[in-house]
Each structure stands twice: as C-alpha cells, then as structure tokens.
Amino acid sequence: RLYGTTGPLLEVSLDDKGIGETISAASAELTVKVSAASWIDVSTLTVSVNGKALRSFPVTAGETVAFKLGFEKDSFVTVEVAGEAGEDYAIVYPKFKPYAFTNPIYVDADSDGTWTPPGLSAR
C-alpha cells in the first residue's frame, strides 16, 4: 500500500482497490490523482501493466485521470509520475528530479481467487 516519491503525491485505485490490493475482474477503471507543491513539477504520467509501459501522457498537479483497462490474464498495474527539477526544487533536492512510483495493484483477471504472476502457469 506504499509508493516511493521525491516530491509528487499519488492516489491510485483500480475500481475500489488500492496499491497492494488485488482486484478480481477482467476490466476495471484506473483512477490516478496527482498532487504536488507548487515548486514541484509533474509533467508525465506513465501506466504500466506487467512491467511494460502501456500509456504515457501529460499530467499536471491537481489533475485526476481515469480510464478503463482490460486484462486477458492475471496482471499487475503500476503508475509513475515524473517532472523536471526547477530552481527551487534543486535547492531542496540537489541531484534529484520529481518522481513517484507505486507498488502494484494485482489483477486476478480470471477471478479464480488466486493471483498468478505473469509468465508463470498454474500447476
């Protein structure tokens, strides 16, 4: 239920499930709310499924983005937000850039009650 950050704040859910939880569904709505102090730039949101970037697009602090995702097999979803280090940011966090990443939300796409990691088959 955690995420890492060098400034940006994230609220992420897949339908009613949050970071670290498991949803049983073949499709669900991903909702991402991005927040940050005025001196912390956020400009790009990247959504990944099973460790592969599915979609990247522009985002600003205070924005909430939502869209449907479909899953053919058990999967996991992660989110990243990135920005550029402005002058004020560089004073507070030298050598860093604004960045946040989530732990996964797990998807039991076949709703069998067991999450099977991608690339592994049930025996």
C-alpha atoms as a PDB file:
ATOM      1  CA  ARG A   1       0.000   0.000   0.000  1.00  0.00           C
ATOM      2  CA  LEU A   2       3.032   2.226  -0.436  1.00  0.00           C
ATOM      3  CA  TYR A   3       4.649   4.329  -3.118  1.00  0.00           C
ATOM      4  CA  GLY A   4       8.047   5.973  -3.402  1.00  0.00           C
ATOM      5  CA  THR A   5       8.484   9.669  -4.135  1.00  0.00           C
ATOM      6  CA  THR A   6      10.904  12.563  -4.387  1.00  0.00           C
ATOM      7  CA  GLY A   7       8.027  15.021  -4.132  1.00  0.00           C
ATOM      8  CA  PRO A   8       4.877  14.209  -6.152  1.00  0.00           C
ATOM      9  CA  LEU A   9       1.952  12.616  -4.293  1.00  0.00           C
ATOM     10  CA  LEU A  10      -0.246   9.882  -5.776  1.00  0.00           C
ATOM     11  CA  GLU A  11      -3.682   8.441  -5.069  1.00  0.00           C
ATOM     12  CA  VAL A  12      -4.236   5.380  -7.249  1.00  0.00           C
ATOM     13  CA  SER A  13      -7.104   2.908  -7.463  1.00  0.00           C
ATOM     14  CA  LEU A  14      -8.321   0.216  -9.814  1.00  0.00           C
ATOM     15  CA  ASP A  15     -12.100   0.331  -9.301  1.00  0.00           C
ATOM     16  CA  ASP A  16     -12.298   0.161  -5.494  1.00  0.00           C
ATOM     17  CA  LYS A  17      -8.881  -1.456  -4.887  1.00  0.00           C
ATOM     18  CA  GLY A  18      -5.738   0.456  -3.996  1.00  0.00           C
ATOM     19  CA  ILE A  19      -1.994  -0.094  -4.096  1.00  0.00           C
ATOM     20  CA  GLY A  20      -1.025  -3.526  -2.766  1.00  0.00           C
ATOM     21  CA  GLU A  21      -4.545  -4.932  -3.072  1.00  0.00           C
ATOM     22  CA  THR A  22      -5.986  -7.482  -5.506  1.00  0.00           C
ATOM     23  CA  ILE A  23      -8.992  -6.931  -7.747  1.00  0.00           C
ATOM     24  CA  SER A  24     -10.872  -9.839  -9.335  1.00  0.00           C
ATOM     25  CA  ALA A  25     -12.019  -8.540 -12.729  1.00  0.00           C
ATOM     26  CA  ALA A  26     -11.194  -8.748 -16.433  1.00  0.00           C
ATOM     27  CA  SER A  27     -11.588  -4.970 -16.750  1.00  0.00           C
ATOM     28  CA  ALA A  28     -11.545  -2.050 -14.326  1.00  0.00           C
ATOM     29  CA  GLU A  29     -11.251   1.729 -14.221  1.00  0.00           C
ATOM     30  CA  LEU A  30      -7.848   3.063 -13.213  1.00  0.00           C
ATOM     31  CA  THR A  31      -8.015   6.393 -11.376  1.00  0.00           C
ATOM     32  CA  VAL A  32      -4.879   8.424 -10.635  1.00  0.00           C
ATOM     33  CA  LYS A  33      -4.845  11.701  -8.731  1.00  0.00           C
ATOM     34  CA  VAL A  34      -1.555  13.602  -8.869  1.00  0.00           C
ATOM     35  CA  SER A  35      -0.718  16.262  -6.282  1.00  0.00           C
ATOM     36  CA  ALA A  36       2.420  18.300  -5.631  1.00  0.00           C
ATOM     37  CA  ALA A  37       3.598  21.507  -4.011  1.00  0.00           C
ATOM     38  CA  SER A  38       3.719  24.485  -6.363  1.00  0.00           C
ATOM     39  CA  TRP A  39       7.533  24.239  -6.648  1.00  0.00           C
ATOM     40  CA  ILE A  40       7.456  20.545  -7.638  1.00  0.00           C
ATOM     41  CA  ASP A  41       6.941  19.946 -11.365  1.00  0.00           C
ATOM     42  CA  VAL A  42       4.924  16.982 -12.579  1.00  0.00           C
ATOM     43  CA  SER A  43       4.534  16.583 -16.310  1.00  0.00           C
ATOM     44  CA  THR A  44       4.336  12.911 -17.335  1.00  0.00           C
ATOM     45  CA  LEU A  45       2.177  10.046 -16.087  1.00  0.00           C
ATOM     46  CA  THR A  46       3.093   6.504 -17.156  1.00  0.00           C
ATOM     47  CA  VAL A  47       0.860   3.474 -16.582  1.00  0.00           C
ATOM     48  CA  SER A  48       2.479   0.047 -16.817  1.00  0.00           C
ATOM     49  CA  VAL A  49       0.947  -3.414 -16.934  1.00  0.00           C
ATOM     50  CA  ASN A  50       3.198  -6.351 -16.059  1.00  0.00           C
ATOM     51  CA  GLY A  51       6.246  -4.072 -16.047  1.00  0.00           C
ATOM     52  CA  LYS A  52       5.701  -2.745 -19.582  1.00  0.00           C
ATOM     53  CA  ALA A  53       4.672   0.849 -20.228  1.00  0.00           C
ATOM     54  CA  LEU A  54       1.142   0.786 -21.591  1.00  0.00           C
ATOM     55  CA  ARG A  55       0.483   4.501 -21.835  1.00  0.00           C
ATOM     56  CA  SER A  56       2.299   7.780 -21.106  1.00  0.00           C
ATOM     57  CA  PHE A  57       0.709  11.189 -21.309  1.00  0.00           C
ATOM     58  CA  PRO A  58       0.979  14.742 -19.972  1.00  0.00           C
ATOM     59  CA  VAL A  59      -0.353  15.482 -16.490  1.00  0.00           C
ATOM     60  CA  THR A  60      -0.363  18.427 -14.095  1.00  0.00           C
ATOM     61  CA  ALA A  61      -0.532  18.665 -10.318  1.00  0.00           C
ATOM     62  CA  GLY A  62      -4.122  18.632  -9.113  1.00  0.00           C
ATOM     63  CA  GLU A  63      -5.292  16.572 -12.073  1.00  0.00           C
ATOM     64  CA  THR A  64      -7.236  13.319 -11.802  1.00  0.00           C
ATOM     65  CA  VAL A  65      -7.002  10.907 -14.732  1.00  0.00           C
ATOM     66  CA  ALA A  66      -9.316   7.917 -15.197  1.00  0.00           C
ATOM     67  CA  PHE A  67      -9.680   5.310 -17.923  1.00  0.00           C
ATOM     68  CA  LYS A  68     -10.640   1.654 -18.414  1.00  0.00           C
ATOM     69  CA  LEU A  69      -8.099  -1.146 -18.568  1.00  0.00           C
ATOM     70  CA  GLY A  70      -8.774  -4.675 -19.849  1.00  0.00           C
ATOM     71  CA  PHE A  71      -6.853  -7.793 -18.844  1.00  0.00           C
ATOM     72  CA  GLU A  72      -6.563 -11.120 -20.665  1.00  0.00           C
ATOM     73  CA  LYS A  73      -4.691 -12.810 -17.817  1.00  0.00           C
ATOM     74  CA  ASP A  74      -3.649 -12.160 -14.236  1.00  0.00           C
ATOM     75  CA  SER A  75      -1.562  -8.998 -14.207  1.00  0.00           C
ATOM     76  CA  PHE A  76      -0.231  -6.145 -12.109  1.00  0.00           C
ATOM     77  CA  VAL A  77      -0.573  -2.406 -12.658  1.00  0.00           C
ATOM     78  CA  THR A  78       1.916   0.276 -11.602  1.00  0.00           C
ATOM     79  CA  VAL A  79       1.974   4.037 -12.064  1.00  0.00           C
ATOM     80  CA  GLU A  80       4.851   6.531 -12.358  1.00  0.00           C
ATOM     81  CA  VAL A  81       4.857  10.332 -12.404  1.00  0.00           C
ATOM     82  CA  ALA A  82       7.875  12.419 -13.412  1.00  0.00           C
ATOM     83  CA  GLY A  83       8.814  16.055 -13.850  1.00  0.00           C
ATOM     84  CA  GLU A  84      11.785  18.375 -14.239  1.00  0.00           C
ATOM     85  CA  ALA A  85      13.759  19.873 -11.370  1.00  0.00           C
ATOM     86  CA  GLY A  86      13.168  23.602 -11.242  1.00  0.00           C
ATOM     87  CA  GLU A  87      15.381  26.081  -9.429  1.00  0.00           C
ATOM     88  CA  ASP A  88      13.566  25.841  -6.071  1.00  0.00           C
ATOM     89  CA  TYR A  89      13.347  22.052  -6.277  1.00  0.00           C
ATOM     90  CA  ALA A  90      17.092  21.788  -6.977  1.00  0.00           C
ATOM     91  CA  ILE A  91      17.849  23.745  -3.792  1.00  0.00           C
ATOM     92  CA  VAL A  92      15.809  21.353  -1.648  1.00  0.00           C
ATOM     93  CA  TYR A  93      16.671  18.127  -3.511  1.00  0.00           C
ATOM     94  CA  PRO A  94      20.013  18.593  -5.278  1.00  0.00           C
ATOM     95  CA  LYS A  95      20.763  15.969  -7.951  1.00  0.00           C
ATOM     96  CA  PHE A  96      17.162  14.664  -7.939  1.00  0.00           C
ATOM     97  CA  LYS A  97      14.153  15.096 -10.201  1.00  0.00           C
ATOM     98  CA  PRO A  98      10.491  14.956  -9.172  1.00  0.00           C
ATOM     99  CA  TYR A  99       9.419  11.327  -9.461  1.00  0.00           C
ATOM    100  CA  ALA A 100       6.920   8.977  -7.833  1.00  0.00           C
ATOM    101  CA  PHE A 101       6.185   5.296  -8.412  1.00  0.00           C
ATOM    102  CA  THR A 102       3.648   2.883  -6.966  1.00  0.00           C
ATOM    103  CA  ASN A 103       3.817  -0.660  -5.784  1.00  0.00           C
ATOM    104  CA  PRO A 104       1.475  -2.869  -7.826  1.00  0.00           C
ATOM    105  CA  ILE A 105      -2.247  -3.314  -7.782  1.00  0.00           C
ATOM    106  CA  TYR A 106      -2.751  -7.009  -8.563  1.00  0.00           C
ATOM    107  CA  VAL A 107      -5.381  -8.190 -11.047  1.00  0.00           C
ATOM    108  CA  ASP A 108      -6.992 -11.643 -10.791  1.00  0.00           C
ATOM    109  CA  ALA A 109      -8.360 -11.432 -14.341  1.00  0.00           C
ATOM    110  CA  ASP A 110      -9.900 -14.926 -14.410  1.00  0.00           C
ATOM    111  CA  SER A 111     -11.497 -14.372 -10.969  1.00  0.00           C
ATOM    112  CA  ASP A 112     -10.382 -17.794  -9.737  1.00  0.00           C
ATOM    113  CA  GLY A 113      -9.384 -16.411  -6.340  1.00  0.00           C
ATOM    114  CA  THR A 114      -5.648 -16.836  -7.000  1.00  0.00           C
ATOM    115  CA  TRP A 115      -3.299 -14.256  -8.465  1.00  0.00           C
ATOM    116  CA  THR A 116      -0.822 -15.996 -10.799  1.00  0.00           C
ATOM    117  CA  PRO A 117       2.288 -13.907 -11.552  1.00  0.00           C
ATOM    118  CA  PRO A 118       2.704 -13.117 -15.268  1.00  0.00           C
ATOM    119  CA  GLY A 119       4.906 -15.616 -17.045  1.00  0.00           C
ATOM    120  CA  LEU A 120       4.138 -18.423 -14.596  1.00  0.00           C
ATOM    121  CA  SER A 121       1.465 -21.023 -15.181  1.00  0.00           C
ATOM    122  CA  ALA A 122      -0.676 -22.617 -12.507  1.00  0.00           C
ATOM    123  CA  ARG A 123       0.171 -26.259 -11.870  1.00  0.00           C
END
